Amino acid sequence: MTIGPTSGITVYALTLGTQYPPFPDDVPRHPLFVVDYTLVKAGDEQELNKLWEAATRLGFW
């Protein structure tokens, strides 16, 4: 999953007539994973892997 300038929030804001300047290239960014905990609880392998990646690679605990 890629979150970027065409994510729902930006598109929604633009449809309301609000425009934001582009995000600066010299500011560090960090990816965020959206984890569906209902799928985790159900044992969905792909969602479990996504949670594991967020926890081990990104340090999200």
PDB file of N, CA and C in Angstrom:
ATOM      1  N   MET A   1       0.837  -1.160   0.000  1.00  0.00           N
ATOM      2  CA  MET A   1       0.000   0.000   0.000  1.00  0.00           C
ATOM      3  C   MET A   1       0.889   1.232   0.000  1.00  0.00           C
ATOM      4  N   THR A   2       0.523   2.212  -0.838  1.00  0.00           N
ATOM      5  CA  THR A   2       1.273   3.451  -0.892  1.00  0.00           C
ATOM      6  C   THR A   2       0.371   4.595  -0.478  1.00  0.00           C
ATOM      7  N   ILE A   3       0.846   5.393   0.427  1.00  0.00           N
ATOM      8  CA  ILE A   3       0.109   6.579   0.848  1.00  0.00           C
ATOM      9  C   ILE A   3       0.905   7.773   0.372  1.00  0.00           C
ATOM     10  N   GLY A   4       0.257   8.657  -0.357  1.00  0.00           N
ATOM     11  CA  GLY A   4       0.987   9.788  -0.894  1.00  0.00           C
ATOM     12  C   GLY A   4       0.071  10.950  -1.187  1.00  0.00           C
ATOM     13  N   PRO A   5       0.493  11.803  -2.109  1.00  0.00           N
ATOM     14  CA  PRO A   5      -0.254  13.028  -2.377  1.00  0.00           C
ATOM     15  C   PRO A   5      -1.643  12.787  -2.944  1.00  0.00           C
ATOM     16  N   THR A   6      -1.939  11.579  -3.403  1.00  0.00           N
ATOM     17  CA  THR A   6      -3.289  11.317  -3.909  1.00  0.00           C
ATOM     18  C   THR A   6      -4.100  10.499  -2.919  1.00  0.00           C
ATOM     19  N   SER A   7      -3.695  10.493  -1.649  1.00  0.00           N
ATOM     20  CA  SER A   7      -4.466   9.766  -0.645  1.00  0.00           C
ATOM     21  C   SER A   7      -5.810  10.444  -0.445  1.00  0.00           C
ATOM     22  N   GLY A   8      -6.738   9.740   0.160  1.00  0.00           N
ATOM     23  CA  GLY A   8      -8.097  10.231   0.338  1.00  0.00           C
ATOM     24  C   GLY A   8      -8.180  11.571   1.018  1.00  0.00           C
ATOM     25  N   ILE A   9      -7.329  11.840   1.995  1.00  0.00           N
ATOM     26  CA  ILE A   9      -7.400  13.095   2.729  1.00  0.00           C
ATOM     27  C   ILE A   9      -7.078  14.267   1.807  1.00  0.00           C
ATOM     28  N   THR A  10      -6.005  14.147   1.029  1.00  0.00           N
ATOM     29  CA  THR A  10      -5.635  15.229   0.126  1.00  0.00           C
ATOM     30  C   THR A  10      -6.696  15.429  -0.939  1.00  0.00           C
ATOM     31  N   VAL A  11      -7.164  14.349  -1.538  1.00  0.00           N
ATOM     32  CA  VAL A  11      -8.193  14.450  -2.577  1.00  0.00           C
ATOM     33  C   VAL A  11      -9.454  15.077  -1.994  1.00  0.00           C
ATOM     34  N   TYR A  12      -9.836  14.673  -0.799  1.00  0.00           N
ATOM     35  CA  TYR A  12     -11.019  15.227  -0.148  1.00  0.00           C
ATOM     36  C   TYR A  12     -10.850  16.726   0.088  1.00  0.00           C
ATOM     37  N   ALA A  13      -9.682  17.122   0.566  1.00  0.00           N
ATOM     38  CA  ALA A  13      -9.435  18.539   0.817  1.00  0.00           C
ATOM     39  C   ALA A  13      -9.489  19.336  -0.478  1.00  0.00           C
ATOM     40  N   LEU A  14      -8.941  18.782  -1.540  1.00  0.00           N
ATOM     41  CA  LEU A  14      -8.956  19.498  -2.814  1.00  0.00           C
ATOM     42  C   LEU A  14     -10.361  19.638  -3.369  1.00  0.00           C
ATOM     43  N   THR A  15     -11.215  18.654  -3.109  1.00  0.00           N
ATOM     44  CA  THR A  15     -12.577  18.762  -3.604  1.00  0.00           C
ATOM     45  C   THR A  15     -13.352  19.832  -2.848  1.00  0.00           C
ATOM     46  N   LEU A  16     -12.888  20.198  -1.664  1.00  0.00           N
ATOM     47  CA  LEU A  16     -13.527  21.267  -0.899  1.00  0.00           C
ATOM     48  C   LEU A  16     -12.959  22.639  -1.275  1.00  0.00           C
ATOM     49  N   GLY A  17     -12.018  22.664  -2.190  1.00  0.00           N
ATOM     50  CA  GLY A  17     -11.431  23.921  -2.624  1.00  0.00           C
ATOM     51  C   GLY A  17     -10.215  24.338  -1.808  1.00  0.00           C
ATOM     52  N   THR A  18      -9.797  23.537  -0.855  1.00  0.00           N
ATOM     53  CA  THR A  18      -8.618  23.843  -0.049  1.00  0.00           C
ATOM     54  C   THR A  18      -7.403  23.230  -0.733  1.00  0.00           C
ATOM     55  N   GLN A  19      -6.387  24.032  -0.922  1.00  0.00           N
ATOM     56  CA  GLN A  19      -5.175  23.514  -1.544  1.00  0.00           C
ATOM     57  C   GLN A  19      -4.009  23.682  -0.573  1.00  0.00           C
ATOM     58  N   TYR A  20      -3.148  22.682  -0.543  1.00  0.00           N
ATOM     59  CA  TYR A  20      -1.983  22.688   0.319  1.00  0.00           C
ATOM     60  C   TYR A  20      -0.740  22.711  -0.540  1.00  0.00           C
ATOM     61  N   PRO A  21       0.332  23.340  -0.044  1.00  0.00           N
ATOM     62  CA  PRO A  21       1.585  23.309  -0.808  1.00  0.00           C
ATOM     63  C   PRO A  21       2.146  21.896  -0.806  1.00  0.00           C
ATOM     64  N   PRO A  22       3.000  21.568  -1.762  1.00  0.00           N
ATOM     65  CA  PRO A  22       3.598  20.230  -1.792  1.00  0.00           C
ATOM     66  C   PRO A  22       4.443  19.994  -0.548  1.00  0.00           C
ATOM     67  N   PHE A  23       4.516  18.737  -0.133  1.00  0.00           N
ATOM     68  CA  PHE A  23       5.318  18.370   1.031  1.00  0.00           C
ATOM     69  C   PHE A  23       6.785  18.534   0.673  1.00  0.00           C
ATOM     70  N   PRO A  24       7.582  19.161   1.530  1.00  0.00           N
ATOM     71  CA  PRO A  24       8.995  19.394   1.209  1.00  0.00           C
ATOM     72  C   PRO A  24       9.766  18.090   1.034  1.00  0.00           C
ATOM     73  N   ASP A  25      10.695  18.089   0.090  1.00  0.00           N
ATOM     74  CA  ASP A  25      11.505  16.901  -0.184  1.00  0.00           C
ATOM     75  C   ASP A  25      12.601  16.682   0.865  1.00  0.00           C
ATOM     76  N   ASP A  26      12.966  17.733   1.598  1.00  0.00           N
ATOM     77  CA  ASP A  26      14.068  17.615   2.549  1.00  0.00           C
ATOM     78  C   ASP A  26      13.605  17.253   3.967  1.00  0.00           C
ATOM     79  N   VAL A  27      12.348  16.900   4.143  1.00  0.00           N
ATOM     80  CA  VAL A  27      11.816  16.497   5.442  1.00  0.00           C
ATOM     81  C   VAL A  27      11.685  14.976   5.462  1.00  0.00           C
ATOM     82  N   PRO A  28      12.303  14.313   6.443  1.00  0.00           N
ATOM     83  CA  PRO A  28      12.211  12.850   6.502  1.00  0.00           C
ATOM     84  C   PRO A  28      10.760  12.389   6.660  1.00  0.00           C
ATOM     85  N   ARG A  29      10.430  11.298   5.994  1.00  0.00           N
ATOM     86  CA  ARG A  29       9.098  10.702   6.086  1.00  0.00           C
ATOM     87  C   ARG A  29       9.240   9.262   6.520  1.00  0.00           C
ATOM     88  N   HIS A  30       8.181   8.744   7.100  1.00  0.00           N
ATOM     89  CA  HIS A  30       8.182   7.365   7.565  1.00  0.00           C
ATOM     90  C   HIS A  30       6.906   6.697   7.095  1.00  0.00           C
ATOM     91  N   PRO A  31       6.983   5.511   6.508  1.00  0.00           N
ATOM     92  CA  PRO A  31       5.765   4.845   6.038  1.00  0.00           C
ATOM     93  C   PRO A  31       4.886   4.414   7.209  1.00  0.00           C
ATOM     94  N   LEU A  32       3.610   4.416   7.003  1.00  0.00           N
ATOM     95  CA  LEU A  32       2.651   3.936   7.998  1.00  0.00           C
ATOM     96  C   LEU A  32       1.847   2.809   7.388  1.00  0.00           C
ATOM     97  N   PHE A  33       1.681   1.746   8.132  1.00  0.00           N
ATOM     98  CA  PHE A  33       0.858   0.630   7.683  1.00  0.00           C
ATOM     99  C   PHE A  33      -0.500   0.723   8.354  1.00  0.00           C
ATOM    100  N   VAL A  34      -1.537   0.444   7.612  1.00  0.00           N
ATOM    101  CA  VAL A  34      -2.878   0.347   8.178  1.00  0.00           C
ATOM    102  C   VAL A  34      -3.132  -1.132   8.420  1.00  0.00           C
ATOM    103  N   VAL A  35      -3.328  -1.492   9.683  1.00  0.00           N
ATOM    104  CA  VAL A  35      -3.524  -2.887  10.057  1.00  0.00           C
ATOM    105  C   VAL A  35      -4.970  -3.079  10.506  1.00  0.00           C
ATOM    106  N   ASP A  36      -5.641  -4.027   9.894  1.00  0.00           N
ATOM    107  CA  ASP A  36      -7.029  -4.350  10.246  1.00  0.00           C
ATOM    108  C   ASP A  36      -6.993  -5.411  11.344  1.00  0.00           C
ATOM    109  N   TYR A  37      -7.279  -5.002  12.564  1.00  0.00           N
ATOM    110  CA  TYR A  37      -7.165  -5.916  13.699  1.00  0.00           C
ATOM    111  C   TYR A  37      -8.239  -6.995  13.701  1.00  0.00           C
ATOM    112  N   THR A  38      -9.341  -6.765  13.001  1.00  0.00           N
ATOM    113  CA  THR A  38     -10.339  -7.825  12.846  1.00  0.00           C
ATOM    114  C   THR A  38      -9.743  -8.961  12.033  1.00  0.00           C
ATOM    115  N   LEU A  39      -9.004  -8.610  10.970  1.00  0.00           N
ATOM    116  CA  LEU A  39      -8.341  -9.634  10.160  1.00  0.00           C
ATOM    117  C   LEU A  39      -7.219 -10.316  10.934  1.00  0.00           C
ATOM    118  N   VAL A  40      -6.503  -9.555  11.753  1.00  0.00           N
ATOM    119  CA  VAL A  40      -5.448 -10.151  12.586  1.00  0.00           C
ATOM    120  C   VAL A  40      -6.064 -11.169  13.532  1.00  0.00           C
ATOM    121  N   LYS A  41      -7.148 -10.785  14.177  1.00  0.00           N
ATOM    122  CA  LYS A  41      -7.828 -11.677  15.113  1.00  0.00           C
ATOM    123  C   LYS A  41      -8.336 -12.938  14.413  1.00  0.00           C
ATOM    124  N   ALA A  42      -8.753 -12.784  13.152  1.00  0.00           N
ATOM    125  CA  ALA A  42      -9.259 -13.925  12.378  1.00  0.00           C
ATOM    126  C   ALA A  42      -8.128 -14.801  11.845  1.00  0.00           C
ATOM    127  N   GLY A  43      -6.877 -14.352  12.007  1.00  0.00           N
ATOM    128  CA  GLY A  43      -5.736 -15.157  11.571  1.00  0.00           C
ATOM    129  C   GLY A  43      -5.343 -14.956  10.121  1.00  0.00           C
ATOM    130  N   ASP A  44      -5.760 -13.848   9.512  1.00  0.00           N
ATOM    131  CA  ASP A  44      -5.414 -13.566   8.118  1.00  0.00           C
ATOM    132  C   ASP A  44      -3.901 -13.431   7.978  1.00  0.00           C
ATOM    133  N   GLU A  45      -3.299 -14.299   7.175  1.00  0.00           N
ATOM    134  CA  GLU A  45      -1.840 -14.378   7.048  1.00  0.00           C
ATOM    135  C   GLU A  45      -1.234 -13.076   6.523  1.00  0.00           C
ATOM    136  N   GLN A  46      -1.855 -12.482   5.533  1.00  0.00           N
ATOM    137  CA  GLN A  46      -1.327 -11.242   4.955  1.00  0.00           C
ATOM    138  C   GLN A  46      -1.364 -10.106   5.985  1.00  0.00           C
ATOM    139  N   GLU A  47      -2.436 -10.024   6.744  1.00  0.00           N
ATOM    140  CA  GLU A  47      -2.546  -8.961   7.746  1.00  0.00           C
ATOM    141  C   GLU A  47      -1.581  -9.199   8.907  1.00  0.00           C
ATOM    142  N   LEU A  48      -1.383 -10.461   9.286  1.00  0.00           N
ATOM    143  CA  LEU A  48      -0.402 -10.796  10.315  1.00  0.00           C
ATOM    144  C   LEU A  48       1.005 -10.412   9.863  1.00  0.00           C
ATOM    145  N   ASN A  49       1.313 -10.653   8.603  1.00  0.00           N
ATOM    146  CA  ASN A  49       2.616 -10.271   8.065  1.00  0.00           C
ATOM    147  C   ASN A  49       2.795  -8.753   8.070  1.00  0.00           C
ATOM    148  N   LYS A  50       1.732  -8.034   7.743  1.00  0.00           N
ATOM    149  CA  LYS A  50       1.786  -6.581   7.750  1.00  0.00           C
ATOM    150  C   LYS A  50       2.047  -6.061   9.168  1.00  0.00           C
ATOM    151  N   LEU A  51       1.382  -6.640  10.156  1.00  0.00           N
ATOM    152  CA  LEU A  51       1.604  -6.258  11.551  1.00  0.00           C
ATOM    153  C   LEU A  51       3.041  -6.581  11.970  1.00  0.00           C
ATOM    154  N   TRP A  52       3.531  -7.742  11.578  1.00  0.00           N
ATOM    155  CA  TRP A  52       4.896  -8.138  11.918  1.00  0.00           C
ATOM    156  C   TRP A  52       5.913  -7.173  11.301  1.00  0.00           C
ATOM    157  N   GLU A  53       5.700  -6.797  10.038  1.00  0.00           N
ATOM    158  CA  GLU A  53       6.592  -5.839   9.371  1.00  0.00           C
ATOM    159  C   GLU A  53       6.578  -4.496  10.097  1.00  0.00           C
ATOM    160  N   ALA A  54       5.395  -4.039  10.467  1.00  0.00           N
ATOM    161  CA  ALA A  54       5.298  -2.751  11.173  1.00  0.00           C
ATOM    162  C   ALA A  54       6.026  -2.821  12.507  1.00  0.00           C
ATOM    163  N   ALA A  55       5.918  -3.959  13.169  1.00  0.00           N
ATOM    164  CA  ALA A  55       6.526  -4.108  14.491  1.00  0.00           C
ATOM    165  C   ALA A  55       8.033  -4.291  14.430  1.00  0.00           C
ATOM    166  N   THR A  56       8.518  -5.036  13.460  1.00  0.00           N
ATOM    167  CA  THR A  56       9.939  -5.367  13.431  1.00  0.00           C
ATOM    168  C   THR A  56      10.764  -4.413  12.562  1.00  0.00           C
ATOM    169  N   ARG A  57      10.207  -3.981  11.452  1.00  0.00           N
ATOM    170  CA  ARG A  57      10.970  -3.120  10.550  1.00  0.00           C
ATOM    171  C   ARG A  57      10.792  -1.645  10.905  1.00  0.00           C
ATOM    172  N   LEU A  58       9.564  -1.264  11.283  1.00  0.00           N
ATOM    173  CA  LEU A  58       9.288   0.145  11.570  1.00  0.00           C
ATOM    174  C   LEU A  58       9.344   0.473  13.051  1.00  0.00           C
ATOM    175  N   GLY A  59       9.365  -0.554  13.905  1.00  0.00           N
ATOM    176  CA  GLY A  59       9.417  -0.321  15.335  1.00  0.00           C
ATOM    177  C   GLY A  59       8.119   0.147  15.937  1.00  0.00           C
ATOM    178  N   PHE A  60       7.006  -0.222  15.311  1.00  0.00           N
ATOM    179  CA  PHE A  60       5.699   0.207  15.803  1.00  0.00           C
ATOM    180  C   PHE A  60       5.166  -0.798  16.813  1.00  0.00           C
ATOM    181  N   TRP A  61       5.254  -0.466  18.098  1.00  0.00           N
ATOM    182  CA  TRP A  61       4.666  -1.316  19.158  1.00  0.00           C
ATOM    183  C   TRP A  61       3.944  -0.447  20.096  1.00  0.00           C
TER     184      TRP A  61
END
